[in-house]
Structures are given as C-alpha cells and as structure tokens.
Protein backbone atom coordinates (compact mmCIF):
# COMPACT_ATOMS: atom_id res chain seq x y z
CA UNK A 1 -82.77 112.23 -152.72
CA UNK A 2 -81.16 112.02 -149.11
CA UNK A 3 -78.57 109.53 -150.45
CA UNK A 4 -77.46 112.02 -153.20
CA UNK A 5 -74.58 114.50 -152.60
CA UNK A 6 -75.59 116.88 -155.35
CA UNK A 7 -79.02 117.61 -156.75
CA UNK A 8 -79.51 118.59 -160.50
CA UNK A 9 -82.30 120.77 -161.46
CA UNK A 10 -83.41 121.93 -164.90
CA UNK A 11 -85.43 125.17 -165.21
CA UNK A 12 -86.66 127.27 -167.95
CA UNK A 13 -84.03 129.17 -169.84
CA UNK A 14 -86.22 131.82 -171.21
CA UNK A 15 -86.42 135.31 -169.62
CA UNK A 16 -90.06 135.28 -169.71
CA UNK A 17 -90.25 132.34 -167.41
CA UNK A 18 -87.92 133.94 -164.65
CA UNK A 19 -90.58 134.05 -162.13
CA UNK A 20 -91.56 130.37 -162.46
CA UNK A 21 -90.40 128.15 -159.62
CA UNK A 22 -91.32 124.65 -159.61
CA UNK A 23 -92.33 122.49 -156.79
CA UNK A 24 -89.33 120.21 -157.29
CA UNK A 25 -87.04 123.40 -156.58
CA UNK A 26 -88.62 123.66 -153.05
CA UNK A 27 -88.18 120.06 -152.39
CA UNK A 28 -84.58 120.26 -153.29
CA UNK A 29 -84.09 123.37 -151.21
CA UNK A 30 -85.53 121.49 -148.24
CA UNK A 31 -83.35 118.53 -148.87
CA UNK A 32 -80.31 120.75 -147.85
CA UNK A 33 -77.91 119.22 -150.55
CA UNK A 34 -75.96 121.46 -152.95
CA UNK A 35 -78.17 122.10 -155.99
CA UNK A 36 -76.70 122.44 -159.67
CA UNK A 37 -79.52 124.25 -161.44
CA UNK A 38 -79.65 124.96 -165.16
CA UNK A 39 -81.99 127.87 -166.29
CA UNK A 40 -82.02 131.66 -166.73
CA UNK A 41 -79.51 132.98 -164.23
CA UNK A 42 -81.39 136.24 -163.46
CA UNK A 43 -84.33 134.34 -162.35
CA UNK A 44 -86.21 134.18 -158.85
CA UNK A 45 -84.99 130.69 -158.52
CA UNK A 46 -81.31 132.12 -158.85
CA UNK A 47 -82.04 134.68 -156.16
CA UNK A 48 -83.43 131.91 -153.71
CA UNK A 49 -80.40 129.68 -154.43
CA UNK A 50 -78.10 132.73 -153.44
CA UNK A 51 -80.32 133.81 -150.42
CA UNK A 52 -80.21 130.47 -148.92
CA UNK A 53 -76.70 129.44 -149.99
CA UNK A 54 -78.04 126.21 -151.51
CA UNK A 55 -76.34 125.83 -154.86
CA UNK A 56 -75.65 127.74 -158.07
CA UNK A 57 -77.56 128.20 -161.38
CA UNK A 58 -76.08 128.08 -164.83
CA UNK A 59 -77.05 129.05 -168.32
CA UNK A 60 -77.15 125.85 -170.30
CA UNK A 61 -73.92 126.77 -172.22
CA UNK A 62 -71.85 127.78 -169.25
CA UNK A 63 -69.62 124.68 -169.17
CA UNK A 64 -66.37 126.52 -167.76
CA UNK A 65 -68.14 128.08 -164.72
CA UNK A 66 -70.12 124.71 -164.23
CA UNK A 67 -66.75 122.76 -164.24
CA UNK A 68 -65.24 124.99 -161.61
CA UNK A 69 -68.42 124.81 -159.38
CA UNK A 70 -68.32 121.01 -159.62
CA UNK A 71 -64.63 120.60 -158.85
CA UNK A 72 -65.51 122.89 -155.78
CA UNK A 73 -68.13 120.62 -154.72
CA UNK A 74 -65.92 117.46 -155.36
CA UNK A 75 -63.22 119.13 -153.23
CA UNK A 76 -65.56 120.12 -150.41
CA UNK A 77 -66.91 116.57 -150.50
CA UNK A 78 -63.41 115.07 -150.44
CA UNK A 79 -62.47 117.25 -147.26
CA UNK A 80 -65.71 116.57 -145.47
CA UNK A 81 -66.98 120.07 -145.77
CA UNK A 82 -70.66 120.27 -145.58
CA UNK A 83 -72.81 123.00 -147.15
CA UNK A 84 -74.06 125.45 -144.59
CA UNK A 85 -77.63 125.89 -145.40
CA UNK A 86 -79.90 128.81 -143.96
CA UNK A 87 -82.27 127.57 -141.40
CA UNK A 88 -85.10 129.37 -142.97
CA UNK A 89 -85.33 126.63 -145.67
CA UNK A 90 -87.61 124.75 -143.12
CA UNK A 91 -90.23 127.32 -144.02
CA UNK A 92 -90.62 125.55 -147.42
CA UNK A 93 -91.24 122.06 -145.93
CA UNK A 94 -94.62 120.70 -147.11
CA UNK A 95 -95.51 120.30 -143.38
CA UNK A 96 -94.92 124.11 -142.59
CA UNK A 97 -96.56 125.10 -145.83
CA UNK A 98 -99.83 122.83 -145.09
CA UNK A 99 -100.04 124.50 -141.63
CA UNK A 100 -99.56 128.04 -142.98
CA UNK A 101 -102.45 127.42 -145.52
CA UNK A 102 -104.72 125.68 -142.87
CA UNK A 103 -104.19 128.61 -140.55
CA UNK A 104 -105.11 130.88 -143.30
CA UNK A 105 -108.16 129.02 -144.29
CA UNK A 106 -109.37 128.85 -140.61
CA UNK A 107 -108.67 132.57 -140.06
CA UNK A 108 -110.97 133.18 -143.29
CA UNK A 109 -113.90 131.09 -141.84
C-alpha cells in the first residue's frame, strides 16, 4: 500500500448502505495516499474523505468526473505535489484505536 501513488476503494452504491464504512477505508485513510472511491456520494465515507482531504468518491457511472480527477492526480504527481492530509487521520491508526478501547475497558472495570 505504501508503494502505491493512489488507492482504489469500492464501497456500496446503495443509499441504504450510506453509513457503512469498511475497515479497509480506515486503513486507506491512514496510508495518507489519495483515495479514489466508488460508492454512494452522499455517504459517511464521502464525508470523511472530504473532511480529511483524502480523496474523492464517485458514483459507478461518473466517468467524466473521474477522468478529471485522475488527470489532476497525475498532474500533481508529475509536479511533485504531495497531498496534504489532515493530521487527525492518525486517530484512525490501529494502535491509537486499540489504546482507546483498552482505556475504555480499564475504566469500566
């Protein structure tokens, strides 16, 4: 994953699945690479991508918009522009989440 320049993620395209976020999504966020996601564009995943400036989500038939985005990513890569990722993404690392859960369990005992 760290050798990749862009990460591709397929998510659910149905409105009913808009709140479903996969573990792979969080792994990709933490990688700090641009994410091209396919799924429902009004989903929680779309909100997080925007919030953390981590990529873009497309409906499965949005070829023109996807093409423009890929061209932008390629141009940025060609000009050595790195994606600026929100530092709060580290909150989603497995180590941070494990510590958070461990603290929660200890406080409940």
